[in-house]
Amino acid sequence: MTPMLEAADTSHISRHTASPTWLVVALACAGQFLVVLDVSVVNVALPSMRADLALSASGLQWVVNAYAIAFAGFMLLGGRAGDLYGRKRMFLVGLGLFTLASLGGGLAQDGWQLLLARAVQGLGAAVLAPSTLTLLTAAVPEGAARARAIATWTAVGAGGGAAGGLVGGVLVDVLSWRWVLLINVPVGAVVLAGSLRWLTESRAGDGRRLDLPGALLVTAGLGTLAYGISQTEAEGWTAAATLVPLAAGLALLGLFLAVEARTAAPLMPLGLLGRRAVASANAAMLVSGSAMFCMWYFMTLYAQNVLGYSPLEAGLALVPSSVAVLVGSKAAPRLMRRAGARTVAVGGTLVAATGFAWQSTLGPDGAYTTAIMVPGILMMLGAGLAATPLASLATSGAAPAEAGLLSGLVNTSRTMGGSLGLAVMSTIAAARTGGDGGAAALTEGYATAFRTSTGLLLGGAVLMLLWLPRRGAVARQVQ
């Protein structure tokens, strides 16, 4: 029996010859690459988008936030839907929706059309992303092979975020900003065709219905909370436009927990959070994601707004750090076997914190090597080293019925942390500049954001050291 058939309820799996494991992993990673790429690829295109569609400053911010908030807010629903209705089916639905929304965004003639397309892209990504990890873990049995597969998935995802600046820069300089979205259409069509042919269907098969009340509450709660955070950049922390959605978001999340505690088939069984590995790894992802996600955003702005780089030059400047995150992700499984997942996660986080601390010393006339390349390598090498052990811990020992849910939690923690972190860091940077658009003021704002991220990462390292399971608890997964 194939590993995929062993990993899921065989009564709900399509009856045709299983595809090679490497092909399943490749298709899953391709879907993950598209999802993560679109979080960052638009950064270098924002000035062109604003000029072409006459977007306001707040509207421009929502080109990034509409995607990230919809992505994070619907993630749990996407993961649970994959468990109940089929991982392959949800992979195809999510990828199809994502591809169509990319076409709509690329053809947008007004700002609201672009923002709507970005939100629908995020919804498609939320359905697609949990299925990518679940298909992978179903195809590869627990052990060293799965650790390597997760490392590949992590590296591809991290590489997608890292490559966003380069890909976006090339497309904007050579073609136009529209192609940062339109490029997803042919790629998505190819992956859809391959997935229809080679992926095998599986689902948990427990016959339960989707917990719609829970799904709506958690989605509305996360989305409203994220909206409140994003409002802080324009309105400040004490304005009603900020406090009302923050309070409403927290209230909705509290109601979600109350509903989940009482429903017979909850979207998120609260007992899962009683598992040390699941709770601690997701908390660590939330904290580290809130610090690391902003790196690409601020590095791209620093390169263009302060150092005068073109979009293409800004993308090229980040290539070394893009390579570093891949190196860190691929090196992590070997280090995990020797030192344990917790040690590697803590060590990677400290390496990233060193890079962020270095980056916080940037100046308005910084040299490429010391102001972008070396600190960027340290930041992303550490990110790659930390992400693999955290993802392995968060999904270790998952039963088939829980696989999609835990995959959704992994992506939700990382993406929601990044979305909220970007909003907070943008507010901090804007407050430091005081509305001054000069190079010196912008540099000080960016430096303050990097200093704040350094503190978050150091706190995250302490959290991991104290809370993540010791080596013996996860050694079986990576042996």
Protein backbone atom coordinates (compact mmCIF):
# COMPACT_ATOMS: atom_id res chain seq x y z
CA MET A 1 0.00 0.00 0.00
CA THR A 2 1.33 3.44 -0.88
CA PRO A 3 2.19 5.99 1.80
CA MET A 4 -0.74 8.16 0.69
CA LEU A 5 -3.19 5.28 1.13
CA GLU A 6 -1.77 4.58 4.55
CA ALA A 7 -2.14 8.21 5.59
CA ALA A 8 -5.86 8.57 4.93
CA ASP A 9 -9.15 6.70 5.06
CA THR A 10 -8.94 4.47 1.98
CA SER A 11 -12.70 4.35 1.56
CA HIS A 12 -12.59 7.93 0.30
CA ILE A 13 -9.61 7.76 -2.07
CA SER A 14 -9.90 7.69 -5.84
CA ARG A 15 -9.24 4.23 -7.23
CA HIS A 16 -6.48 4.85 -9.70
CA THR A 17 -2.76 4.25 -9.69
CA ALA A 18 -0.90 6.43 -7.24
CA SER A 19 1.45 8.96 -8.73
CA PRO A 20 5.16 9.06 -7.84
CA THR A 21 5.74 10.74 -4.51
CA TRP A 22 8.11 13.30 -6.02
CA LEU A 23 5.41 14.42 -8.44
CA VAL A 24 2.86 14.94 -5.65
CA VAL A 25 5.45 16.91 -3.67
CA ALA A 26 6.30 18.99 -6.74
CA LEU A 27 2.65 19.91 -7.42
CA ALA A 28 2.00 20.73 -3.76
CA CYS A 29 5.09 22.90 -3.63
CA ALA A 30 4.09 24.68 -6.85
CA GLY A 31 0.76 25.63 -5.29
CA GLN A 32 2.49 26.84 -2.14
CA PHE A 33 4.97 28.88 -4.18
CA LEU A 34 2.17 30.78 -5.93
CA VAL A 35 0.38 31.44 -2.65
CA VAL A 36 3.41 32.86 -0.84
CA LEU A 37 4.81 34.68 -3.88
CA ASP A 38 1.69 36.81 -4.10
CA VAL A 39 2.12 38.04 -0.53
CA SER A 40 5.26 39.93 -1.54
CA VAL A 41 5.41 40.20 -5.32
CA VAL A 42 3.29 43.37 -5.44
CA ASN A 43 5.61 45.39 -3.17
CA VAL A 44 7.87 46.71 -5.93
CA ALA A 45 4.83 47.38 -8.16
CA LEU A 46 2.96 49.58 -5.66
CA PRO A 47 4.18 52.96 -7.00
CA SER A 48 3.17 51.98 -10.55
CA MET A 49 -0.21 50.71 -9.37
CA ARG A 50 -0.88 53.93 -7.50
CA ALA A 51 -0.02 56.10 -10.50
CA ASP A 52 -2.02 54.04 -12.98
CA LEU A 53 -5.18 53.55 -10.90
CA ALA A 54 -5.06 56.78 -8.86
CA LEU A 55 -5.03 54.93 -5.55
CA SER A 56 -4.86 56.84 -2.29
CA ALA A 57 -2.16 56.12 0.27
CA SER A 58 -4.58 54.02 2.33
CA GLY A 59 -5.84 52.27 -0.78
CA LEU A 60 -2.30 51.37 -1.70
CA GLN A 61 -1.80 49.76 1.69
CA TRP A 62 -4.84 47.57 1.06
CA VAL A 63 -3.29 46.13 -2.09
CA VAL A 64 -1.13 44.16 0.35
CA ASN A 65 -3.56 43.89 3.27
CA ALA A 66 -6.61 42.71 1.29
CA TYR A 67 -4.72 39.60 0.22
CA ALA A 68 -3.03 38.90 3.54
CA ILE A 69 -6.18 39.39 5.65
CA ALA A 70 -8.41 37.23 3.45
CA PHE A 71 -5.65 34.61 3.28
CA ALA A 72 -5.23 34.40 7.03
CA GLY A 73 -8.90 34.85 7.92
CA PHE A 74 -10.20 31.96 5.80
CA MET A 75 -7.31 29.56 6.44
CA LEU A 76 -9.00 27.39 9.08
CA LEU A 77 -12.08 27.06 6.89
CA GLY A 78 -9.89 25.99 3.98
CA GLY A 79 -8.06 23.38 6.02
CA ARG A 80 -11.22 21.85 7.46
CA ALA A 81 -12.97 21.87 4.06
CA GLY A 82 -10.06 19.85 2.67
CA ASP A 83 -10.47 17.25 5.41
CA LEU A 84 -14.21 16.91 4.84
CA TYR A 85 -14.64 17.38 1.10
CA GLY A 86 -11.33 16.19 -0.31
CA ARG A 87 -7.80 17.58 -0.30
CA LYS A 88 -7.40 17.33 -4.07
CA ARG A 89 -10.80 18.92 -4.64
CA MET A 90 -10.02 21.88 -2.40
CA PHE A 91 -6.57 22.22 -3.97
CA LEU A 92 -8.20 22.52 -7.39
CA VAL A 93 -10.96 24.88 -6.19
CA GLY A 94 -8.47 27.14 -4.42
CA LEU A 95 -6.04 27.19 -7.32
CA GLY A 96 -8.81 27.87 -9.83
CA LEU A 97 -10.19 30.76 -7.77
CA PHE A 98 -6.69 32.15 -7.24
CA THR A 99 -5.92 31.99 -10.97
CA LEU A 100 -9.18 33.67 -12.03
CA ALA A 101 -8.72 36.42 -9.42
CA SER A 102 -5.18 37.02 -10.70
CA LEU A 103 -6.62 37.54 -14.18
CA GLY A 104 -9.19 39.98 -12.81
CA GLY A 105 -6.57 41.94 -10.88
CA GLY A 106 -4.25 42.15 -13.85
CA LEU A 107 -7.06 43.58 -16.00
CA ALA A 108 -8.42 45.96 -13.31
CA GLN A 109 -9.30 49.46 -14.53
CA ASP A 110 -10.21 50.99 -11.14
CA GLY A 111 -8.72 50.78 -7.68
CA TRP A 112 -11.72 48.98 -6.17
CA GLN A 113 -11.48 46.27 -8.85
CA LEU A 114 -7.85 45.63 -7.94
CA LEU A 115 -8.60 45.48 -4.21
CA LEU A 116 -11.53 43.11 -4.77
CA ALA A 117 -9.38 40.86 -6.92
CA ARG A 118 -6.66 40.81 -4.25
CA ALA A 119 -9.21 39.82 -1.59
CA VAL A 120 -10.53 36.99 -3.80
CA GLN A 121 -6.94 35.91 -4.44
CA GLY A 122 -6.48 35.68 -0.68
CA LEU A 123 -9.64 33.57 -0.35
CA GLY A 124 -8.41 31.21 -3.06
CA ALA A 125 -5.02 31.01 -1.37
CA ALA A 126 -6.69 30.18 1.97
CA VAL A 127 -8.45 27.21 0.38
CA LEU A 128 -5.35 26.15 -1.53
CA ALA A 129 -2.57 26.52 1.04
CA PRO A 130 -3.69 23.98 3.69
CA SER A 131 -4.17 21.36 0.97
CA THR A 132 -0.58 21.78 -0.21
CA LEU A 133 0.86 20.64 3.12
CA THR A 134 -1.81 17.98 3.68
CA LEU A 135 -1.28 16.39 0.25
CA LEU A 136 2.44 16.32 0.98
CA THR A 137 2.15 14.75 4.44
CA ALA A 138 -0.36 12.21 3.11
CA ALA A 139 2.03 11.18 0.35
CA VAL A 140 5.14 10.83 2.54
CA PRO A 141 5.20 8.71 5.73
CA GLU A 142 6.46 10.15 9.02
CA GLY A 143 10.20 9.99 9.46
CA ALA A 144 13.24 11.40 7.71
CA ALA A 145 11.54 11.39 4.30
CA ARG A 146 8.67 13.53 5.55
CA ALA A 147 11.07 15.91 7.30
CA ARG A 148 12.89 16.37 3.98
CA ALA A 149 9.61 16.87 2.13
CA ILE A 150 8.44 19.46 4.66
CA ALA A 151 11.82 21.15 4.36
CA THR A 152 11.32 21.34 0.59
CA TRP A 153 7.80 22.72 1.07
CA THR A 154 9.11 25.26 3.57
CA ALA A 155 11.98 26.24 1.30
CA VAL A 156 9.69 26.69 -1.70
CA GLY A 157 7.25 28.74 0.35
CA ALA A 158 10.00 30.86 1.83
CA GLY A 159 11.59 31.16 -1.58
CA GLY A 160 8.28 32.38 -2.98
CA GLY A 161 8.22 35.20 -0.47
CA ALA A 162 11.88 35.91 -1.04
CA ALA A 163 11.60 35.86 -4.85
CA GLY A 164 8.65 38.24 -4.84
CA GLY A 165 10.80 41.34 -5.03
CA LEU A 166 12.95 40.01 -7.88
CA VAL A 167 10.05 38.62 -9.89
CA GLY A 168 8.02 41.78 -9.36
CA GLY A 169 10.96 44.01 -10.29
CA VAL A 170 11.61 42.16 -13.54
CA LEU A 171 7.96 42.17 -14.55
CA VAL A 172 7.41 45.86 -13.72
CA ASP A 173 10.58 47.02 -15.48
CA VAL A 174 10.20 44.81 -18.57
CA LEU A 175 6.40 44.72 -18.96
CA SER A 176 4.10 46.52 -16.49
CA TRP A 177 2.71 46.20 -12.97
CA ARG A 178 -0.21 44.18 -14.36
CA TRP A 179 2.07 41.23 -15.03
CA VAL A 180 2.84 40.69 -11.36
CA LEU A 181 -0.73 39.32 -11.31
CA LEU A 182 -1.16 38.07 -14.87
CA ILE A 183 1.90 35.82 -14.59
CA ASN A 184 -0.12 33.61 -12.25
CA VAL A 185 -2.58 32.74 -15.02
CA PRO A 186 -0.39 30.51 -17.24
CA VAL A 187 1.44 29.05 -14.24
CA GLY A 188 -1.82 28.30 -12.47
CA ALA A 189 -3.26 26.69 -15.60
CA VAL A 190 -0.28 24.34 -15.91
CA VAL A 191 -0.43 23.33 -12.23
CA LEU A 192 -4.20 22.79 -12.51
CA ALA A 193 -3.75 20.50 -15.49
CA GLY A 194 -1.04 18.50 -13.74
CA SER A 195 -3.05 18.25 -10.53
CA LEU A 196 -6.14 16.96 -12.34
CA ARG A 197 -4.02 14.26 -13.90
CA TRP A 198 -1.67 13.18 -11.11
CA LEU A 199 -3.03 14.04 -7.67
CA THR A 200 -5.01 11.38 -5.79
CA GLU A 201 -8.08 12.31 -3.78
CA SER A 202 -8.27 11.74 -0.03
CA ARG A 203 -10.25 13.09 2.90
CA ALA A 204 -10.83 12.32 6.55
CA GLY A 205 -14.10 10.53 5.82
CA ASP A 206 -15.77 11.01 9.19
CA GLY A 207 -19.05 12.18 7.64
CA ARG A 208 -19.27 15.38 9.69
CA ARG A 209 -20.51 18.62 8.22
CA LEU A 210 -18.45 21.76 8.03
CA ASP A 211 -18.76 23.90 11.15
CA LEU A 212 -20.12 26.98 9.38
CA PRO A 213 -20.88 29.05 12.52
CA GLY A 214 -17.34 28.50 13.75
CA ALA A 215 -15.88 29.23 10.33
CA LEU A 216 -17.80 32.48 9.98
CA LEU A 217 -16.93 33.63 13.50
CA VAL A 218 -13.20 32.96 13.28
CA THR A 219 -12.99 34.46 9.79
CA ALA A 220 -14.90 37.57 10.79
CA GLY A 221 -12.92 37.86 14.04
CA LEU A 222 -9.50 37.56 12.43
CA GLY A 223 -10.46 39.82 9.53
CA THR A 224 -11.93 42.51 11.78
CA LEU A 225 -8.96 42.39 14.15
CA ALA A 226 -6.55 42.66 11.24
CA TYR A 227 -8.53 45.58 9.83
CA GLY A 228 -8.31 47.36 13.17
CA ILE A 229 -4.55 46.86 13.26
CA SER A 230 -4.19 48.12 9.70
CA GLN A 231 -6.13 51.26 10.61
CA THR A 232 -3.48 52.27 13.12
CA GLU A 233 -1.14 53.53 10.40
CA ALA A 234 -3.64 56.17 9.25
CA GLU A 235 -5.75 56.76 12.36
CA GLY A 236 -3.49 55.96 15.34
CA TRP A 237 -4.08 53.55 18.21
CA THR A 238 -6.59 55.65 20.16
CA ALA A 239 -8.99 56.60 17.36
CA ALA A 240 -12.49 55.10 17.26
CA ALA A 241 -11.77 53.80 13.74
CA THR A 242 -9.08 51.63 15.32
CA LEU A 243 -10.53 50.75 18.73
CA VAL A 244 -13.98 49.69 17.49
CA PRO A 245 -12.78 47.00 15.04
CA LEU A 246 -10.12 45.83 17.51
CA ALA A 247 -12.75 45.33 20.21
CA ALA A 248 -15.18 43.75 17.76
CA GLY A 249 -12.52 41.37 16.47
CA LEU A 250 -11.59 40.22 19.96
CA ALA A 251 -15.27 39.77 20.85
CA LEU A 252 -15.89 37.66 17.75
CA LEU A 253 -12.86 35.48 18.52
CA GLY A 254 -14.12 35.03 22.08
CA LEU A 255 -17.53 34.00 20.75
CA PHE A 256 -15.80 31.59 18.37
CA LEU A 257 -14.06 29.86 21.28
CA ALA A 258 -17.36 29.62 23.15
CA VAL A 259 -19.09 28.04 20.15
CA GLU A 260 -16.22 25.60 19.56
CA ALA A 261 -16.38 24.44 23.16
CA ARG A 262 -20.04 23.46 22.75
CA THR A 263 -20.50 22.23 19.19
CA ALA A 264 -20.44 18.49 18.46
CA ALA A 265 -18.15 18.80 15.42
CA PRO A 266 -16.01 21.91 15.95
CA LEU A 267 -13.94 23.54 13.25
CA MET A 268 -11.04 23.69 15.70
CA PRO A 269 -11.23 21.13 18.51
CA LEU A 270 -9.86 23.07 21.46
CA GLY A 271 -8.21 19.93 22.74
CA LEU A 272 -5.59 20.32 20.01
CA LEU A 273 -4.29 23.41 21.76
CA GLY A 274 -3.69 21.26 24.81
CA ARG A 275 -0.90 19.51 22.91
CA ARG A 276 2.35 21.18 23.77
CA ALA A 277 3.91 20.75 20.34
CA VAL A 278 0.91 22.19 18.48
CA ALA A 279 0.31 25.13 20.82
CA SER A 280 3.95 26.11 21.27
CA ALA A 281 4.96 25.78 17.61
CA ASN A 282 2.01 27.85 16.40
CA ALA A 283 2.62 30.51 19.04
CA ALA A 284 6.26 30.67 17.96
CA MET A 285 5.21 30.99 14.31
CA LEU A 286 2.86 33.83 15.19
CA VAL A 287 5.56 35.79 17.03
CA SER A 288 8.37 35.16 14.55
CA GLY A 289 6.08 35.78 11.58
CA SER A 290 5.05 39.16 13.00
CA ALA A 291 8.72 40.16 13.03
CA MET A 292 10.03 38.55 9.84
CA PHE A 293 7.26 39.27 7.33
CA CYS A 294 7.97 42.99 7.27
CA MET A 295 11.57 42.44 6.18
CA TRP A 296 10.78 42.30 2.44
CA TYR A 297 8.40 45.24 2.64
CA PHE A 298 10.82 47.60 4.36
CA MET A 299 13.92 46.41 2.50
CA THR A 300 12.18 47.06 -0.83
CA LEU A 301 11.04 50.54 0.29
CA TYR A 302 14.50 51.35 1.65
CA ALA A 303 16.18 50.33 -1.58
CA GLN A 304 13.80 52.35 -3.78
CA ASN A 305 12.79 55.32 -1.64
CA VAL A 306 16.13 55.99 0.05
CA LEU A 307 18.92 54.47 -2.06
CA GLY A 308 17.23 55.23 -5.39
CA TYR A 309 17.16 51.69 -6.79
CA SER A 310 14.81 50.85 -9.65
CA PRO A 311 12.25 48.03 -9.10
CA LEU A 312 14.54 45.59 -10.90
CA GLU A 313 17.62 46.71 -8.99
CA ALA A 314 15.72 46.37 -5.72
CA GLY A 315 14.69 42.83 -6.63
CA LEU A 316 18.23 41.88 -7.62
CA ALA A 317 19.57 43.32 -4.37
CA LEU A 318 17.53 40.73 -2.42
CA VAL A 319 18.70 37.69 -4.40
CA PRO A 320 21.40 36.69 -1.84
CA SER A 321 18.85 36.66 0.97
CA SER A 322 16.48 34.67 -1.25
CA VAL A 323 19.18 32.03 -1.62
CA ALA A 324 19.91 32.14 2.11
CA VAL A 325 16.35 31.22 3.09
CA LEU A 326 16.50 28.19 0.79
CA VAL A 327 19.83 27.11 2.25
CA GLY A 328 18.50 27.43 5.79
CA SER A 329 15.34 25.47 5.01
CA LYS A 330 17.22 22.61 3.37
CA ALA A 331 19.89 22.45 6.09
CA ALA A 332 17.35 22.32 8.91
CA PRO A 333 16.41 18.57 8.72
CA ARG A 334 20.05 17.49 9.08
CA LEU A 335 20.55 19.82 12.01
CA MET A 336 17.28 18.60 13.57
CA ARG A 337 18.57 15.00 13.60
CA ARG A 338 21.71 16.10 15.40
CA ALA A 339 20.49 18.80 17.76
CA GLY A 340 16.70 18.47 17.93
CA ALA A 341 13.90 20.62 16.57
CA ARG A 342 13.80 23.02 19.51
CA THR A 343 17.51 23.82 19.36
CA VAL A 344 17.39 24.44 15.61
CA ALA A 345 14.31 26.67 15.92
CA VAL A 346 15.90 28.74 18.69
CA GLY A 347 19.23 28.95 16.89
CA GLY A 348 17.61 30.03 13.64
CA THR A 349 15.60 32.69 15.41
CA LEU A 350 18.74 34.09 17.06
CA VAL A 351 20.53 34.20 13.69
CA ALA A 352 17.56 36.12 12.26
CA ALA A 353 17.56 38.49 15.25
CA THR A 354 21.24 39.22 14.59
CA GLY A 355 20.40 40.15 11.02
CA PHE A 356 17.51 42.40 12.08
CA ALA A 357 19.71 44.13 14.66
CA TRP A 358 22.35 44.76 12.00
CA GLN A 359 19.70 46.05 9.58
CA SER A 360 18.47 48.50 12.20
CA THR A 361 21.78 50.39 11.82
CA LEU A 362 21.00 51.30 8.19
CA GLY A 363 21.69 54.85 6.98
CA PRO A 364 20.50 57.09 4.13
CA ASP A 365 23.72 56.48 2.17
CA GLY A 366 24.30 52.84 3.07
CA ALA A 367 26.55 50.62 0.94
CA TYR A 368 24.90 47.59 -0.65
CA THR A 369 27.10 44.99 1.06
CA THR A 370 26.64 46.18 4.62
CA ALA A 371 23.21 47.82 4.36
CA ILE A 372 21.33 45.14 2.39
CA MET A 373 23.26 41.99 1.46
CA VAL A 374 24.89 40.73 4.68
CA PRO A 375 22.07 41.59 7.12
CA GLY A 376 19.55 40.26 4.59
CA ILE A 377 21.40 36.94 4.40
CA LEU A 378 21.42 36.62 8.20
CA MET A 379 17.73 37.48 8.51
CA MET A 380 16.59 34.96 5.91
CA LEU A 381 19.08 32.22 6.78
CA GLY A 382 17.67 32.32 10.29
CA ALA A 383 14.09 32.35 8.99
CA GLY A 384 14.74 29.25 6.91
CA LEU A 385 16.41 27.41 9.79
CA ALA A 386 13.53 28.16 12.17
CA ALA A 387 10.55 27.51 9.88
CA THR A 388 11.15 23.81 9.16
CA PRO A 389 11.37 22.55 12.77
CA LEU A 390 8.35 24.67 13.76
CA ALA A 391 6.25 23.26 10.90
CA SER A 392 7.38 19.73 11.75
CA LEU A 393 6.46 20.17 15.41
CA ALA A 394 3.08 21.69 14.59
CA THR A 395 2.06 18.76 12.36
CA SER A 396 3.81 15.86 14.10
CA GLY A 397 1.65 12.88 14.95
CA ALA A 398 -1.43 14.26 13.19
CA ALA A 399 -4.29 11.82 12.61
CA PRO A 400 -5.77 11.84 9.08
CA ALA A 401 -8.88 13.70 10.31
CA GLU A 402 -6.68 16.45 11.80
CA ALA A 403 -4.17 16.88 8.98
CA GLY A 404 -5.94 19.70 7.15
CA LEU A 405 -6.78 21.52 10.37
CA LEU A 406 -3.20 21.44 11.63
CA SER A 407 -1.95 22.52 8.19
CA GLY A 408 -4.40 25.41 8.31
CA LEU A 409 -3.17 26.38 11.77
CA VAL A 410 0.44 26.42 10.55
CA ASN A 411 -0.38 28.80 7.71
CA THR A 412 -2.82 30.86 9.79
CA SER A 413 -0.27 31.44 12.55
CA ARG A 414 2.48 32.46 10.17
CA THR A 415 0.35 34.61 7.88
CA MET A 416 -1.77 36.27 10.55
CA GLY A 417 1.36 37.08 12.52
CA GLY A 418 2.89 38.57 9.39
CA SER A 419 -0.21 40.58 8.50
CA LEU A 420 -0.62 42.03 11.98
CA GLY A 421 3.12 42.55 12.32
CA LEU A 422 3.32 44.49 9.06
CA ALA A 423 0.49 46.79 10.15
CA VAL A 424 2.13 47.42 13.52
CA MET A 425 5.61 47.96 12.05
CA SER A 426 4.22 50.32 9.41
CA THR A 427 2.56 52.34 12.16
CA ILE A 428 5.80 52.48 14.15
CA ALA A 429 7.80 53.53 11.09
CA ALA A 430 5.22 56.18 10.10
CA ALA A 431 5.13 57.59 13.64
CA ARG A 432 8.91 57.89 13.65
CA THR A 433 9.04 59.76 10.35
CA GLY A 434 6.33 62.19 11.45
CA GLY A 435 5.10 62.61 7.88
CA ASP A 436 8.54 63.65 6.59
CA GLY A 437 9.25 61.98 3.24
CA GLY A 438 12.95 62.81 3.18
CA ALA A 439 15.59 60.10 2.95
CA ALA A 440 16.90 60.64 6.50
CA ALA A 441 13.43 60.53 8.08
CA LEU A 442 12.37 57.45 6.09
CA THR A 443 15.60 55.70 7.05
CA GLU A 444 15.00 56.35 10.74
CA GLY A 445 11.45 55.02 10.43
CA TYR A 446 12.61 51.82 8.75
CA ALA A 447 15.41 51.41 11.30
CA THR A 448 12.91 51.70 14.16
CA ALA A 449 10.79 48.96 12.62
CA PHE A 450 13.83 46.69 12.37
CA ARG A 451 14.77 47.39 15.99
CA THR A 452 11.25 46.48 17.10
CA SER A 453 11.41 43.26 15.08
CA THR A 454 14.72 42.41 16.75
CA GLY A 455 13.07 42.64 20.16
CA LEU A 456 10.17 40.45 19.02
CA LEU A 457 12.54 37.79 17.72
CA LEU A 458 14.54 37.73 20.95
CA GLY A 459 11.28 37.31 22.86
CA GLY A 460 10.28 34.56 20.44
CA ALA A 461 13.56 32.73 21.03
CA VAL A 462 12.92 32.77 24.80
CA LEU A 463 9.37 31.51 24.19
CA MET A 464 10.67 28.62 22.08
CA LEU A 465 13.36 27.72 24.58
CA LEU A 466 10.88 27.52 27.44
CA TRP A 467 7.82 26.05 25.70
CA LEU A 468 8.78 23.92 22.69
CA PRO A 469 9.10 20.17 23.46
CA ARG A 470 12.58 18.88 24.14
CA ARG A 471 14.48 16.79 21.62
CA GLY A 472 13.11 13.43 22.69
CA ALA A 473 9.53 14.46 21.94
CA VAL A 474 10.21 14.99 18.26
CA ALA A 475 13.17 12.77 17.53
CA ARG A 476 10.94 10.01 16.18
CA GLN A 477 9.70 12.29 13.43
CA VAL A 478 13.07 13.13 11.95
CA GLN A 479 14.94 9.87 12.46
